[in-house]
Protein backbone atom coordinates (compact mmCIF):
# COMPACT_ATOMS: atom_id res chain seq x y z
CA MET A 1 51.01 170.07 -24.92
CA TYR A 2 47.83 168.59 -23.53
CA ARG A 3 47.47 164.98 -22.51
CA THR A 4 44.16 163.30 -21.79
CA LEU A 5 43.70 160.66 -19.13
CA ILE A 6 40.67 158.36 -19.21
CA ALA A 7 40.18 156.31 -16.06
CA VAL A 8 37.02 154.67 -14.73
CA GLY A 9 34.79 156.70 -17.03
CA ILE A 10 36.29 160.05 -15.99
CA VAL A 11 38.04 162.17 -18.59
CA ALA A 12 40.54 164.77 -17.44
CA SER A 13 42.94 166.94 -19.39
CA ALA A 14 46.12 168.32 -17.91
CA TRP A 15 48.86 170.58 -19.16
CA VAL A 16 52.17 168.75 -19.38
CA ALA A 17 55.15 171.07 -19.54
CA PRO A 18 57.71 170.34 -22.26
CA MET A 19 60.71 168.39 -20.95
CA GLU A 20 63.08 171.29 -21.64
CA ALA A 21 61.29 173.40 -19.06
CA ALA A 22 60.93 170.64 -16.48
CA MET A 23 62.83 170.56 -13.21
CA ALA A 24 65.60 168.02 -12.72
CA GLU A 25 64.09 164.54 -12.64
CA THR A 26 64.87 162.28 -9.68
CA LEU A 27 63.97 158.61 -9.18
CA MET A 28 64.31 156.34 -6.17
CA LEU A 29 65.06 152.86 -7.47
CA SER A 30 64.33 149.60 -5.70
CA VAL A 31 66.93 146.92 -6.27
CA LYS A 32 66.14 143.22 -6.69
CA ASP A 33 69.75 142.25 -5.94
CA ALA A 34 73.29 143.54 -6.05
CA ALA A 35 76.60 141.67 -6.31
CA MET A 36 80.29 142.28 -6.71
CA THR A 37 81.62 141.43 -10.14
CA GLU A 38 84.64 142.27 -12.26
CA ASP A 39 84.69 144.79 -15.08
CA GLY A 40 85.49 142.85 -18.24
CA GLN A 41 87.57 145.68 -19.72
CA THR A 42 89.65 146.83 -16.75
CA GLY A 43 89.55 143.86 -14.37
CA ARG A 44 88.55 146.23 -11.56
CA PRO A 45 85.89 145.31 -9.02
CA ALA A 46 82.44 146.45 -10.09
CA LEU A 47 78.95 146.68 -8.62
CA GLN A 48 76.31 144.73 -10.56
CA ILE A 49 72.73 145.84 -9.86
CA HIS A 50 69.43 144.27 -10.96
CA LEU A 51 66.40 146.51 -10.47
CA ASP A 52 62.93 145.33 -9.53
CA PRO A 53 60.49 145.39 -12.50
CA GLN A 54 58.82 148.70 -11.61
CA SER A 55 62.15 150.49 -11.07
CA ALA A 56 63.58 148.93 -14.24
CA LYS A 57 60.69 150.35 -16.25
CA ALA A 58 60.95 153.82 -14.66
CA PHE A 59 64.75 153.92 -15.10
CA GLY A 60 64.47 152.78 -18.73
CA GLU A 61 61.94 155.52 -19.48
CA MET A 62 64.17 158.07 -17.73
CA THR A 63 67.20 157.10 -19.79
CA ILE A 64 65.13 157.42 -22.97
CA ARG A 65 64.04 160.94 -21.97
CA HIS A 66 67.57 161.97 -21.01
CA LEU A 67 69.71 160.59 -23.84
CA SER A 68 73.02 162.47 -24.01
CA SER A 69 72.44 163.90 -20.53
CA VAL A 70 74.39 163.27 -17.35
CA VAL A 71 72.63 161.06 -14.80
CA GLU A 72 73.91 160.84 -11.21
CA VAL A 73 73.54 157.53 -9.36
CA SER A 74 73.72 157.93 -5.56
CA LEU A 75 73.63 155.62 -2.55
CA ASP A 76 73.05 157.08 0.92
CA GLY A 77 73.49 160.59 -0.48
CA LYS A 78 76.92 159.87 -2.01
CA ILE A 79 77.23 160.06 -5.80
CA LEU A 80 78.69 156.78 -7.04
CA ILE A 81 78.87 157.71 -10.72
CA ALA A 82 77.64 160.46 -13.00
CA PRO A 83 77.82 159.09 -16.56
CA ARG A 84 76.37 160.54 -19.74
CA VAL A 85 73.52 158.38 -21.05
CA GLN A 86 74.74 157.04 -24.41
CA SER A 87 71.79 154.71 -25.07
CA PRO A 88 68.59 153.72 -23.27
CA ILE A 89 69.11 151.33 -20.34
CA VAL A 90 65.95 149.27 -20.47
CA GLU A 91 67.10 145.81 -19.36
CA GLY A 92 66.84 146.59 -15.64
CA SER A 93 70.47 145.96 -14.82
CA LEU A 94 73.49 148.19 -14.61
CA GLN A 95 77.14 147.87 -13.70
CA ILE A 96 78.92 150.57 -11.73
CA VAL A 97 82.66 150.72 -12.27
CA GLY A 98 84.89 153.30 -10.68
CA ASP A 99 87.82 153.79 -8.37
CA PHE A 100 86.36 151.44 -5.73
CA SER A 101 88.18 148.84 -3.68
CA GLU A 102 86.75 145.35 -3.18
CA ALA A 103 85.90 146.33 0.41
CA GLU A 104 83.95 149.39 -0.79
CA ILE A 105 82.03 147.33 -3.35
CA ALA A 106 81.29 144.67 -0.71
CA ALA A 107 79.94 147.37 1.65
CA MET A 108 77.72 148.77 -1.12
CA VAL A 109 76.44 145.27 -1.97
CA GLU A 110 75.57 144.65 1.69
CA ARG A 111 73.86 148.04 2.05
CA ILE A 112 71.82 147.63 -1.16
CA ASN A 113 70.84 144.03 -0.42
CA SER A 114 69.67 145.21 3.03
CA GLY A 115 67.05 147.40 1.35
CA ALA A 116 68.79 150.68 0.54
CA GLN A 117 67.42 152.44 -2.53
CA LEU A 118 69.48 154.05 -5.24
CA GLU A 119 68.72 157.64 -6.12
CA VAL A 120 69.09 158.61 -9.77
CA ARG A 121 68.95 162.24 -10.85
CA ALA A 122 69.10 163.66 -14.36
CA VAL A 123 71.46 166.64 -14.29
CA GLN A 124 70.36 169.74 -16.16
CA GLU A 125 73.25 171.20 -18.10
């Protein structure tokens, strides 16, 4: 498919490959804040993350493009979770629940609030 971009009086057309043929998509997300919370269903410690506006928009668009796909969320190269996207996540916040201790969640909160970015990658199946 062709898409046309009009910017400052210049018109350019570019070929945009269909999503099925695209390489795995990866985003680096900037976090506004992170905190330890409790999962309402299991009572386990959880990581609550609020993305900055630009990252929230990019992540929301990614989850729309990759509905029913697996998306890996990593911190410092370690995959935290790899859920299947059930619905678009457009609010800019997410909760990560897993087999984490309170100490592990606290360490992640400290690392993220110190400026670490989250890496999110859509997994091609």
